[in-house]
Amino acid sequence: MADLFEGVTLIVNNRDRDQLDTPQQLENKVRNKLVLLYFGSRECPKCQEFTPVLQEFTNQLLDEFYVERAAQLVPVYVSQDQTEEKEQQYLRTLHRKWLYLPFQDKYKR
């Protein structure tokens, strides 16, 4: 799975927007883990319906209280939003452990 992200920068959905851009950082983050790719948009009606279910699911799977090995899940948001502002609004609703592709990333479209 790490090969999927070769040459790609992933950003951590935290206050500092930490970037994982070296092969070693990416390898450490995704090797032997379950990677959940979520293609969505803030304006998509079906995404709006699905998002609360997805959020509860990932919040529980990322919380050691619910799951013994919570660090095994790596959710990645692949935005289909039309603007970076809309993408950032949507990211504020997701858990801080989510990763996402930069808005201008060529692999998003």
PDB file of N, CA and C in Angstrom:
ATOM      1  N   MET A   1       0.823  -1.197   0.000  1.00  0.00           N
ATOM      2  CA  MET A   1       0.000   0.000   0.000  1.00  0.00           C
ATOM      3  C   MET A   1       0.863   1.256   0.000  1.00  0.00           C
ATOM      4  N   ALA A   2       2.036   1.185   0.598  1.00  0.00           N
ATOM      5  CA  ALA A   2       2.907   2.358   0.632  1.00  0.00           C
ATOM      6  C   ALA A   2       3.269   2.803  -0.776  1.00  0.00           C
ATOM      7  N   ASP A   3       3.355   1.869  -1.722  1.00  0.00           N
ATOM      8  CA  ASP A   3       3.692   2.209  -3.104  1.00  0.00           C
ATOM      9  C   ASP A   3       2.641   3.122  -3.737  1.00  0.00           C
ATOM     10  N   LEU A   4       1.400   2.995  -3.296  1.00  0.00           N
ATOM     11  CA  LEU A   4       0.323   3.834  -3.816  1.00  0.00           C
ATOM     12  C   LEU A   4       0.619   5.314  -3.589  1.00  0.00           C
ATOM     13  N   PHE A   5       1.302   5.614  -2.495  1.00  0.00           N
ATOM     14  CA  PHE A   5       1.568   7.002  -2.131  1.00  0.00           C
ATOM     15  C   PHE A   5       2.985   7.453  -2.481  1.00  0.00           C
ATOM     16  N   GLU A   6       3.690   6.673  -3.279  1.00  0.00           N
ATOM     17  CA  GLU A   6       5.046   7.049  -3.668  1.00  0.00           C
ATOM     18  C   GLU A   6       5.024   8.352  -4.470  1.00  0.00           C
ATOM     19  N   GLY A   7       5.820   9.310  -4.048  1.00  0.00           N
ATOM     20  CA  GLY A   7       5.881  10.603  -4.720  1.00  0.00           C
ATOM     21  C   GLY A   7       4.724  11.528  -4.394  1.00  0.00           C
ATOM     22  N   VAL A   8       3.906  11.166  -3.407  1.00  0.00           N
ATOM     23  CA  VAL A   8       2.732  11.940  -3.030  1.00  0.00           C
ATOM     24  C   VAL A   8       2.958  12.542  -1.649  1.00  0.00           C
ATOM     25  N   THR A   9       2.435  13.721  -1.428  1.00  0.00           N
ATOM     26  CA  THR A   9       2.446  14.320  -0.096  1.00  0.00           C
ATOM     27  C   THR A   9       1.084  14.109   0.527  1.00  0.00           C
ATOM     28  N   LEU A  10       1.069  13.629   1.759  1.00  0.00           N
ATOM     29  CA  LEU A  10      -0.157  13.543   2.542  1.00  0.00           C
ATOM     30  C   LEU A  10      -0.041  14.538   3.687  1.00  0.00           C
ATOM     31  N   ILE A  11      -1.147  15.141   4.050  1.00  0.00           N
ATOM     32  CA  ILE A  11      -1.161  16.130   5.123  1.00  0.00           C
ATOM     33  C   ILE A  11      -1.999  15.588   6.265  1.00  0.00           C
ATOM     34  N   VAL A  12      -1.506  15.774   7.482  1.00  0.00           N
ATOM     35  CA  VAL A  12      -2.238  15.349   8.676  1.00  0.00           C
ATOM     36  C   VAL A  12      -3.269  16.425   8.994  1.00  0.00           C
ATOM     37  N   ASN A  13      -4.496  16.006   9.285  1.00  0.00           N
ATOM     38  CA  ASN A  13      -5.591  16.933   9.565  1.00  0.00           C
ATOM     39  C   ASN A  13      -5.484  17.445  11.008  1.00  0.00           C
ATOM     40  N   ASN A  14      -4.369  18.090  11.333  1.00  0.00           N
ATOM     41  CA  ASN A  14      -4.189  18.661  12.657  1.00  0.00           C
ATOM     42  C   ASN A  14      -3.955  20.163  12.531  1.00  0.00           C
ATOM     43  N   ARG A  15      -3.786  20.821  13.640  1.00  0.00           N
ATOM     44  CA  ARG A  15      -3.631  22.275  13.645  1.00  0.00           C
ATOM     45  C   ARG A  15      -2.431  22.728  12.810  1.00  0.00           C
ATOM     46  N   ASP A  16      -1.339  21.970  12.874  1.00  0.00           N
ATOM     47  CA  ASP A  16      -0.123  22.361  12.170  1.00  0.00           C
ATOM     48  C   ASP A  16      -0.087  21.921  10.713  1.00  0.00           C
ATOM     49  N   ARG A  17      -1.043  21.100  10.299  1.00  0.00           N
ATOM     50  CA  ARG A  17      -1.089  20.576   8.931  1.00  0.00           C
ATOM     51  C   ARG A  17       0.256  19.946   8.556  1.00  0.00           C
ATOM     52  N   ASP A  18       0.736  19.067   9.441  1.00  0.00           N
ATOM     53  CA  ASP A  18       2.013  18.395   9.215  1.00  0.00           C
ATOM     54  C   ASP A  18       1.994  17.630   7.900  1.00  0.00           C
ATOM     55  N   GLN A  19       3.085  17.734   7.156  1.00  0.00           N
ATOM     56  CA  GLN A  19       3.175  17.054   5.869  1.00  0.00           C
ATOM     57  C   GLN A  19       4.007  15.783   5.994  1.00  0.00           C
ATOM     58  N   LEU A  20       3.488  14.724   5.401  1.00  0.00           N
ATOM     59  CA  LEU A  20       4.227  13.476   5.281  1.00  0.00           C
ATOM     60  C   LEU A  20       4.654  13.402   3.824  1.00  0.00           C
ATOM     61  N   ASP A  21       5.894  13.731   3.564  1.00  0.00           N
ATOM     62  CA  ASP A  21       6.291  13.801   2.164  1.00  0.00           C
ATOM     63  C   ASP A  21       7.558  13.028   1.833  1.00  0.00           C
ATOM     64  N   THR A  22       8.225  12.486   2.817  1.00  0.00           N
ATOM     65  CA  THR A  22       9.402  11.674   2.505  1.00  0.00           C
ATOM     66  C   THR A  22       8.972  10.214   2.405  1.00  0.00           C
ATOM     67  N   PRO A  23       9.664   9.433   1.608  1.00  0.00           N
ATOM     68  CA  PRO A  23       9.306   8.008   1.501  1.00  0.00           C
ATOM     69  C   PRO A  23       9.267   7.314   2.870  1.00  0.00           C
ATOM     70  N   GLN A  24      10.191   7.660   3.755  1.00  0.00           N
ATOM     71  CA  GLN A  24      10.228   7.018   5.073  1.00  0.00           C
ATOM     72  C   GLN A  24       9.013   7.404   5.916  1.00  0.00           C
ATOM     73  N   GLN A  25       8.612   8.673   5.892  1.00  0.00           N
ATOM     74  CA  GLN A  25       7.434   9.111   6.644  1.00  0.00           C
ATOM     75  C   GLN A  25       6.177   8.392   6.152  1.00  0.00           C
ATOM     76  N   LEU A  26       6.027   8.322   4.844  1.00  0.00           N
ATOM     77  CA  LEU A  26       4.855   7.660   4.270  1.00  0.00           C
ATOM     78  C   LEU A  26       4.861   6.167   4.580  1.00  0.00           C
ATOM     79  N   GLU A  27       6.015   5.547   4.439  1.00  0.00           N
ATOM     80  CA  GLU A  27       6.145   4.115   4.724  1.00  0.00           C
ATOM     81  C   GLU A  27       5.777   3.827   6.179  1.00  0.00           C
ATOM     82  N   ASN A  28       6.281   4.642   7.097  1.00  0.00           N
ATOM     83  CA  ASN A  28       5.989   4.447   8.522  1.00  0.00           C
ATOM     84  C   ASN A  28       4.510   4.615   8.826  1.00  0.00           C
ATOM     85  N   LYS A  29       3.847   5.488   8.104  1.00  0.00           N
ATOM     86  CA  LYS A  29       2.441   5.768   8.368  1.00  0.00           C
ATOM     87  C   LYS A  29       1.501   4.692   7.827  1.00  0.00           C
ATOM     88  N   VAL A  30       1.817   4.116   6.664  1.00  0.00           N
ATOM     89  CA  VAL A  30       0.847   3.215   6.023  1.00  0.00           C
ATOM     90  C   VAL A  30       1.254   1.746   5.967  1.00  0.00           C
ATOM     91  N   ARG A  31       2.503   1.428   6.239  1.00  0.00           N
ATOM     92  CA  ARG A  31       2.928   0.031   6.122  1.00  0.00           C
ATOM     93  C   ARG A  31       2.178  -0.863   7.117  1.00  0.00           C
ATOM     94  N   ASN A  32       1.648  -1.974   6.611  1.00  0.00           N
ATOM     95  CA  ASN A  32       0.927  -2.968   7.404  1.00  0.00           C
ATOM     96  C   ASN A  32      -0.291  -2.392   8.125  1.00  0.00           C
ATOM     97  N   LYS A  33      -0.927  -1.424   7.479  1.00  0.00           N
ATOM     98  CA  LYS A  33      -2.114  -0.807   8.071  1.00  0.00           C
ATOM     99  C   LYS A  33      -3.279  -0.857   7.087  1.00  0.00           C
ATOM    100  N   LEU A  34      -4.447  -0.701   7.607  1.00  0.00           N
ATOM    101  CA  LEU A  34      -5.651  -0.640   6.790  1.00  0.00           C
ATOM    102  C   LEU A  34      -5.855   0.811   6.370  1.00  0.00           C
ATOM    103  N   VAL A  35      -5.713   1.075   5.063  1.00  0.00           N
ATOM    104  CA  VAL A  35      -5.855   2.430   4.542  1.00  0.00           C
ATOM    105  C   VAL A  35      -7.270   2.575   3.982  1.00  0.00           C
ATOM    106  N   LEU A  36      -7.980   3.563   4.496  1.00  0.00           N
ATOM    107  CA  LEU A  36      -9.347   3.851   4.071  1.00  0.00           C
ATOM    108  C   LEU A  36      -9.311   5.104   3.207  1.00  0.00           C
ATOM    109  N   LEU A  37      -9.563   4.962   1.915  1.00  0.00           N
ATOM    110  CA  LEU A  37      -9.616   6.109   1.010  1.00  0.00           C
ATOM    111  C   LEU A  37     -11.069   6.553   0.895  1.00  0.00           C
ATOM    112  N   TYR A  38     -11.319   7.812   1.223  1.00  0.00           N
ATOM    113  CA  TYR A  38     -12.674   8.352   1.138  1.00  0.00           C
ATOM    114  C   TYR A  38     -12.690   9.498   0.129  1.00  0.00           C
ATOM    115  N   PHE A  39     -13.362   9.261  -0.992  1.00  0.00           N
ATOM    116  CA  PHE A  39     -13.530  10.276  -2.022  1.00  0.00           C
ATOM    117  C   PHE A  39     -14.865  10.957  -1.752  1.00  0.00           C
ATOM    118  N   GLY A  40     -14.810  12.229  -1.399  1.00  0.00           N
ATOM    119  CA  GLY A  40     -16.046  12.914  -1.049  1.00  0.00           C
ATOM    120  C   GLY A  40     -15.972  14.397  -1.332  1.00  0.00           C
ATOM    121  N   SER A  41     -17.109  15.060  -1.102  1.00  0.00           N
ATOM    122  CA  SER A  41     -17.222  16.496  -1.335  1.00  0.00           C
ATOM    123  C   SER A  41     -18.228  17.076  -0.346  1.00  0.00           C
ATOM    124  N   ARG A  42     -17.944  18.260   0.099  1.00  0.00           N
ATOM    125  CA  ARG A  42     -18.841  18.944   1.030  1.00  0.00           C
ATOM    126  C   ARG A  42     -20.204  19.199   0.394  1.00  0.00           C
ATOM    127  N   GLU A  43     -20.254  19.362  -0.911  1.00  0.00           N
ATOM    128  CA  GLU A  43     -21.506  19.702  -1.589  1.00  0.00           C
ATOM    129  C   GLU A  43     -22.298  18.493  -2.091  1.00  0.00           C
ATOM    130  N   CYS A  44     -21.754  17.319  -1.992  1.00  0.00           N
ATOM    131  CA  CYS A  44     -22.413  16.116  -2.487  1.00  0.00           C
ATOM    132  C   CYS A  44     -23.496  15.664  -1.489  1.00  0.00           C
ATOM    133  N   PRO A  45     -24.779  15.605  -1.921  1.00  0.00           N
ATOM    134  CA  PRO A  45     -25.846  15.197  -0.998  1.00  0.00           C
ATOM    135  C   PRO A  45     -25.625  13.799  -0.404  1.00  0.00           C
ATOM    136  N   LYS A  46     -25.166  12.854  -1.212  1.00  0.00           N
ATOM    137  CA  LYS A  46     -24.932  11.500  -0.687  1.00  0.00           C
ATOM    138  C   LYS A  46     -23.774  11.489   0.305  1.00  0.00           C
ATOM    139  N   CYS A  47     -22.757  12.311   0.043  1.00  0.00           N
ATOM    140  CA  CYS A  47     -21.628  12.420   0.978  1.00  0.00           C
ATOM    141  C   CYS A  47     -22.107  13.021   2.299  1.00  0.00           C
ATOM    142  N   GLN A  48     -22.986  14.010   2.233  1.00  0.00           N
ATOM    143  CA  GLN A  48     -23.516  14.630   3.448  1.00  0.00           C
ATOM    144  C   GLN A  48     -24.295  13.622   4.286  1.00  0.00           C
ATOM    145  N   GLU A  49     -25.014  12.719   3.631  1.00  0.00           N
ATOM    146  CA  GLU A  49     -25.737  11.668   4.348  1.00  0.00           C
ATOM    147  C   GLU A  49     -24.781  10.650   4.952  1.00  0.00           C
ATOM    148  N   PHE A  50     -23.742  10.319   4.216  1.00  0.00           N
ATOM    149  CA  PHE A  50     -22.811   9.278   4.626  1.00  0.00           C
ATOM    150  C   PHE A  50     -21.805   9.754   5.673  1.00  0.00           C
ATOM    151  N   THR A  51     -21.455  11.025   5.642  1.00  0.00           N
ATOM    152  CA  THR A  51     -20.400  11.553   6.508  1.00  0.00           C
ATOM    153  C   THR A  51     -20.620  11.279   7.990  1.00  0.00           C
ATOM    154  N   PRO A  52     -21.803  11.501   8.569  1.00  0.00           N
ATOM    155  CA  PRO A  52     -21.965  11.216  10.002  1.00  0.00           C
ATOM    156  C   PRO A  52     -21.713   9.745  10.356  1.00  0.00           C
ATOM    157  N   VAL A  53     -22.116   8.845   9.482  1.00  0.00           N
ATOM    158  CA  VAL A  53     -21.882   7.416   9.709  1.00  0.00           C
ATOM    159  C   VAL A  53     -20.380   7.122   9.640  1.00  0.00           C
ATOM    160  N   LEU A  54     -19.731   7.665   8.634  1.00  0.00           N
ATOM    161  CA  LEU A  54     -18.301   7.478   8.479  1.00  0.00           C
ATOM    162  C   LEU A  54     -17.536   8.074   9.662  1.00  0.00           C
ATOM    163  N   GLN A  55     -17.941   9.251  10.102  1.00  0.00           N
ATOM    164  CA  GLN A  55     -17.266   9.891  11.229  1.00  0.00           C
ATOM    165  C   GLN A  55     -17.368   9.040  12.494  1.00  0.00           C
ATOM    166  N   GLU A  56     -18.538   8.545  12.786  1.00  0.00           N
ATOM    167  CA  GLU A  56     -18.692   7.706  13.981  1.00  0.00           C
ATOM    168  C   GLU A  56     -17.849   6.438  13.861  1.00  0.00           C
ATOM    169  N   PHE A  57     -17.881   5.833  12.697  1.00  0.00           N
ATOM    170  CA  PHE A  57     -17.105   4.622  12.447  1.00  0.00           C
ATOM    171  C   PHE A  57     -15.613   4.870  12.653  1.00  0.00           C
ATOM    172  N   THR A  58     -15.082   5.916  12.008  1.00  0.00           N
ATOM    173  CA  THR A  58     -13.647   6.180  12.122  1.00  0.00           C
ATOM    174  C   THR A  58     -13.270   6.694  13.507  1.00  0.00           C
ATOM    175  N   ASN A  59     -14.127   7.496  14.138  1.00  0.00           N
ATOM    176  CA  ASN A  59     -13.827   7.957  15.493  1.00  0.00           C
ATOM    177  C   ASN A  59     -13.656   6.780  16.436  1.00  0.00           C
ATOM    178  N   GLN A  60     -14.511   5.798  16.303  1.00  0.00           N
ATOM    179  CA  GLN A  60     -14.399   4.626  17.174  1.00  0.00           C
ATOM    180  C   GLN A  60     -13.173   3.795  16.823  1.00  0.00           C
ATOM    181  N   LEU A  61     -12.882   3.655  15.548  1.00  0.00           N
ATOM    182  CA  LEU A  61     -11.719   2.859  15.157  1.00  0.00           C
ATOM    183  C   LEU A  61     -10.393   3.565  15.425  1.00  0.00           C
ATOM    184  N   LEU A  62     -10.425   4.865  15.640  1.00  0.00           N
ATOM    185  CA  LEU A  62      -9.208   5.610  15.951  1.00  0.00           C
ATOM    186  C   LEU A  62      -9.047   5.845  17.446  1.00  0.00           C
ATOM    187  N   ASP A  63      -9.974   5.347  18.245  1.00  0.00           N
ATOM    188  CA  ASP A  63      -9.963   5.571  19.689  1.00  0.00           C
ATOM    189  C   ASP A  63      -9.603   4.284  20.426  1.00  0.00           C
ATOM    190  N   GLU A  64      -8.541   4.325  21.190  1.00  0.00           N
ATOM    191  CA  GLU A  64      -8.079   3.142  21.940  1.00  0.00           C
ATOM    192  C   GLU A  64      -9.143   2.632  22.914  1.00  0.00           C
ATOM    193  N   PHE A  65     -10.094   3.470  23.297  1.00  0.00           N
ATOM    194  CA  PHE A  65     -11.168   3.043  24.194  1.00  0.00           C
ATOM    195  C   PHE A  65     -12.036   1.969  23.534  1.00  0.00           C
ATOM    196  N   TYR A  66     -12.243   2.100  22.232  1.00  0.00           N
ATOM    197  CA  TYR A  66     -13.104   1.175  21.494  1.00  0.00           C
ATOM    198  C   TYR A  66     -12.334   0.017  20.862  1.00  0.00           C
ATOM    199  N   VAL A  67     -11.120   0.293  20.405  1.00  0.00           N
ATOM    200  CA  VAL A  67     -10.362  -0.688  19.632  1.00  0.00           C
ATOM    201  C   VAL A  67      -8.964  -0.814  20.223  1.00  0.00           C
ATOM    202  N   GLU A  68      -8.550  -2.053  20.433  1.00  0.00           N
ATOM    203  CA  GLU A  68      -7.247  -2.293  21.050  1.00  0.00           C
ATOM    204  C   GLU A  68      -6.089  -1.761  20.216  1.00  0.00           C
ATOM    205  N   ARG A  69      -6.159  -1.908  18.912  1.00  0.00           N
ATOM    206  CA  ARG A  69      -5.061  -1.470  18.039  1.00  0.00           C
ATOM    207  C   ARG A  69      -5.553  -0.380  17.092  1.00  0.00           C
ATOM    208  N   ALA A  70      -5.959   0.727  17.670  1.00  0.00           N
ATOM    209  CA  ALA A  70      -6.567   1.814  16.893  1.00  0.00           C
ATOM    210  C   ALA A  70      -5.615   2.398  15.851  1.00  0.00           C
ATOM    211  N   ALA A  71      -4.341   2.328  16.082  1.00  0.00           N
ATOM    212  CA  ALA A  71      -3.380   2.923  15.151  1.00  0.00           C
ATOM    213  C   ALA A  71      -3.278   2.158  13.838  1.00  0.00           C
ATOM    214  N   GLN A  72      -3.994   1.054  13.691  1.00  0.00           N
ATOM    215  CA  GLN A  72      -3.925   0.247  12.476  1.00  0.00           C
ATOM    216  C   GLN A  72      -4.755   0.818  11.331  1.00  0.00           C
ATOM    217  N   LEU A  73      -5.615   1.782  11.614  1.00  0.00           N
ATOM    218  CA  LEU A  73      -6.448   2.398  10.577  1.00  0.00           C
ATOM    219  C   LEU A  73      -5.844   3.738  10.165  1.00  0.00           C
ATOM    220  N   VAL A  74      -5.709   3.931   8.852  1.00  0.00           N
ATOM    221  CA  VAL A  74      -5.197   5.194   8.310  1.00  0.00           C
ATOM    222  C   VAL A  74      -6.231   5.720   7.315  1.00  0.00           C
ATOM    223  N   PRO A  75      -7.135   6.602   7.766  1.00  0.00           N
ATOM    224  CA  PRO A  75      -8.114   7.167   6.839  1.00  0.00           C
ATOM    225  C   PRO A  75      -7.515   8.326   6.044  1.00  0.00           C
ATOM    226  N   VAL A  76      -7.791   8.338   4.738  1.00  0.00           N
ATOM    227  CA  VAL A  76      -7.277   9.378   3.840  1.00  0.00           C
ATOM    228  C   VAL A  76      -8.458   9.982   3.079  1.00  0.00           C
ATOM    229  N   TYR A  77      -8.618  11.295   3.209  1.00  0.00           N
ATOM    230  CA  TYR A  77      -9.669  12.008   2.498  1.00  0.00           C
ATOM    231  C   TYR A  77      -9.122  12.495   1.160  1.00  0.00           C
ATOM    232  N   VAL A  78      -9.798  12.096   0.091  1.00  0.00           N
ATOM    233  CA  VAL A  78      -9.444  12.544  -1.258  1.00  0.00           C
ATOM    234  C   VAL A  78     -10.575  13.471  -1.698  1.00  0.00           C
ATOM    235  N   SER A  79     -10.326  14.743  -1.559  1.00  0.00           N
ATOM    236  CA  SER A  79     -11.358  15.748  -1.784  1.00  0.00           C
ATOM    237  C   SER A  79     -11.771  15.834  -3.247  1.00  0.00           C
ATOM    238  N   GLN A  80     -13.066  15.951  -3.442  1.00  0.00           N
ATOM    239  CA  GLN A  80     -13.620  16.237  -4.753  1.00  0.00           C
ATOM    240  C   GLN A  80     -14.271  17.619  -4.733  1.00  0.00           C
ATOM    241  N   ASP A  81     -13.947  18.395  -3.686  1.00  0.00           N
ATOM    242  CA  ASP A  81     -14.495  19.748  -3.540  1.00  0.00           C
ATOM    243  C   ASP A  81     -13.997  20.651  -4.662  1.00  0.00           C
ATOM    244  N   GLN A  82     -14.800  21.642  -5.001  1.00  0.00           N
ATOM    245  CA  GLN A  82     -14.467  22.553  -6.093  1.00  0.00           C
ATOM    246  C   GLN A  82     -13.490  23.651  -5.675  1.00  0.00           C
ATOM    247  N   THR A  83     -13.434  23.970  -4.387  1.00  0.00           N
ATOM    248  CA  THR A  83     -12.513  25.001  -3.902  1.00  0.00           C
ATOM    249  C   THR A  83     -11.772  24.491  -2.673  1.00  0.00           C
ATOM    250  N   GLU A  84     -10.622  25.078  -2.436  1.00  0.00           N
ATOM    251  CA  GLU A  84      -9.835  24.710  -1.259  1.00  0.00           C
ATOM    252  C   GLU A  84     -10.553  25.124   0.026  1.00  0.00           C
ATOM    253  N   GLU A  85     -11.289  26.220  -0.020  1.00  0.00           N
ATOM    254  CA  GLU A  85     -12.044  26.677   1.149  1.00  0.00           C
ATOM    255  C   GLU A  85     -13.096  25.635   1.558  1.00  0.00           C
ATOM    256  N   LYS A  86     -13.806  25.100   0.575  1.00  0.00           N
ATOM    257  CA  LYS A  86     -14.809  24.068   0.874  1.00  0.00           C
ATOM    258  C   LYS A  86     -14.142  22.804   1.408  1.00  0.00           C
ATOM    259  N   GLU A  87     -12.985  22.471   0.854  1.00  0.00           N
ATOM    260  CA  GLU A  87     -12.243  21.319   1.350  1.00  0.00           C
ATOM    261  C   GLU A  87     -11.871  21.523   2.821  1.00  0.00           C
ATOM    262  N   GLN A  88     -11.366  22.701   3.149  1.00  0.00           N
ATOM    263  CA  GLN A  88     -10.955  22.982   4.531  1.00  0.00           C
ATOM    264  C   GLN A  88     -12.150  22.977   5.479  1.00  0.00           C
ATOM    265  N   GLN A  89     -13.288  23.459   5.027  1.00  0.00           N
ATOM    266  CA  GLN A  89     -14.498  23.411   5.849  1.00  0.00           C
ATOM    267  C   GLN A  89     -14.871  21.962   6.158  1.00  0.00           C
ATOM    268  N   TYR A  90     -14.776  21.124   5.161  1.00  0.00           N
ATOM    269  CA  TYR A  90     -15.112  19.715   5.357  1.00  0.00           C
ATOM    270  C   TYR A  90     -14.103  19.035   6.273  1.00  0.00           C
ATOM    271  N   LEU A  91     -12.833  19.349   6.103  1.00  0.00           N
ATOM    272  CA  LEU A  91     -11.796  18.726   6.937  1.00  0.00           C
ATOM    273  C   LEU A  91     -11.991  19.050   8.411  1.00  0.00           C
ATOM    274  N   ARG A  92     -12.558  20.220   8.717  1.00  0.00           N
ATOM    275  CA  ARG A  92     -12.793  20.576  10.123  1.00  0.00           C
ATOM    276  C   ARG A  92     -13.788  19.638  10.794  1.00  0.00           C
ATOM    277  N   THR A  93     -14.577  18.926   9.995  1.00  0.00           N
ATOM    278  CA  THR A  93     -15.556  17.996  10.577  1.00  0.00           C
ATOM    279  C   THR A  93     -14.961  16.614  10.810  1.00  0.00           C
ATOM    280  N   LEU A  94     -13.765  16.355  10.266  1.00  0.00           N
ATOM    281  CA  LEU A  94     -13.154  15.031  10.375  1.00  0.00           C
ATOM    282  C   LEU A  94     -12.191  14.953  11.554  1.00  0.00           C
ATOM    283  N   HIS A  95     -11.970  13.752  12.025  1.00  0.00           N
ATOM    284  CA  HIS A  95     -11.040  13.477  13.124  1.00  0.00           C
ATOM    285  C   HIS A  95      -9.658  14.000  12.779  1.00  0.00           C
ATOM    286  N   ARG A  96      -8.917  14.441  13.773  1.00  0.00           N
ATOM    287  CA  ARG A  96      -7.589  15.026  13.542  1.00  0.00           C
ATOM    288  C   ARG A  96      -6.568  14.020  13.038  1.00  0.00           C
ATOM    289  N   LYS A  97      -6.854  12.729  13.126  1.00  0.00           N
ATOM    290  CA  LYS A  97      -5.909  11.721  12.649  1.00  0.00           C
ATOM    291  C   LYS A  97      -6.078  11.394  11.165  1.00  0.00           C
ATOM    292  N   TRP A  98      -7.092  11.985  10.532  1.00  0.00           N
ATOM    293  CA  TRP A  98      -7.262  11.780   9.097  1.00  0.00           C
ATOM    294  C   TRP A  98      -6.088  12.406   8.359  1.00  0.00           C
ATOM    295  N   LEU A  99      -5.748  11.821   7.237  1.00  0.00           N
ATOM    296  CA  LEU A  99      -4.778  12.395   6.311  1.00  0.00           C
ATOM    297  C   LEU A  99      -5.553  12.868   5.091  1.00  0.00           C
ATOM    298  N   TYR A 100      -4.951  13.759   4.329  1.00  0.00           N
ATOM    299  CA  TYR A 100      -5.587  14.178   3.069  1.00  0.00           C
ATOM    300  C   TYR A 100      -4.533  14.617   2.075  1.00  0.00           C
ATOM    301  N   LEU A 101      -4.914  14.588   0.816  1.00  0.00           N
ATOM    302  CA  LEU A 101      -4.048  15.059  -0.261  1.00  0.00           C
ATOM    303  C   LEU A 101      -4.149  16.581  -0.352  1.00  0.00           C
ATOM    304  N   PRO A 102      -3.059  17.269  -0.684  1.00  0.00           N
ATOM    305  CA  PRO A 102      -3.149  18.712  -0.899  1.00  0.00           C
ATOM    306  C   PRO A 102      -4.185  19.020  -1.991  1.00  0.00           C
ATOM    307  N   PHE A 103      -4.813  20.174  -1.901  1.00  0.00           N
ATOM    308  CA  PHE A 103      -5.892  20.513  -2.823  1.00  0.00           C
ATOM    309  C   PHE A 103      -5.447  20.455  -4.280  1.00  0.00           C
ATOM    310  N   GLN A 104      -4.239  20.890  -4.579  1.00  0.00           N
ATOM    311  CA  GLN A 104      -3.784  20.947  -5.949  1.00  0.00           C
ATOM    312  C   GLN A 104      -3.192  19.617  -6.438  1.00  0.00           C
ATOM    313  N   ASP A 105      -3.221  18.577  -5.654  1.00  0.00           N
ATOM    314  CA  ASP A 105      -2.576  17.323  -6.024  1.00  0.00           C
ATOM    315  C   ASP A 105      -3.146  16.758  -7.330  1.00  0.00           C
ATOM    316  N   LYS A 106      -2.264  16.346  -8.209  1.00  0.00           N
ATOM    317  CA  LYS A 106      -2.686  15.865  -9.533  1.00  0.00           C
ATOM    318  C   LYS A 106      -3.411  14.519  -9.468  1.00  0.00           C
ATOM    319  N   TYR A 107      -3.263  13.775  -8.381  1.00  0.00           N
ATOM    320  CA  TYR A 107      -3.905  12.469  -8.267  1.00  0.00           C
ATOM    321  C   TYR A 107      -5.359  12.544  -7.797  1.00  0.00           C
ATOM    322  N   LYS A 108      -5.813  13.708  -7.431  1.00  0.00           N
ATOM    323  CA  LYS A 108      -7.182  13.842  -6.916  1.00  0.00           C
ATOM    324  C   LYS A 108      -8.244  13.800  -7.996  1.00  0.00           C
ATOM    325  N   ARG A 109      -7.925  14.185  -9.161  1.00  0.00           N
ATOM    326  CA  ARG A 109      -8.942  14.289 -10.220  1.00  0.00           C
ATOM    327  C   ARG A 109      -8.843  13.155 -11.198  1.00  0.00           C
TER     328      ARG A 109
END
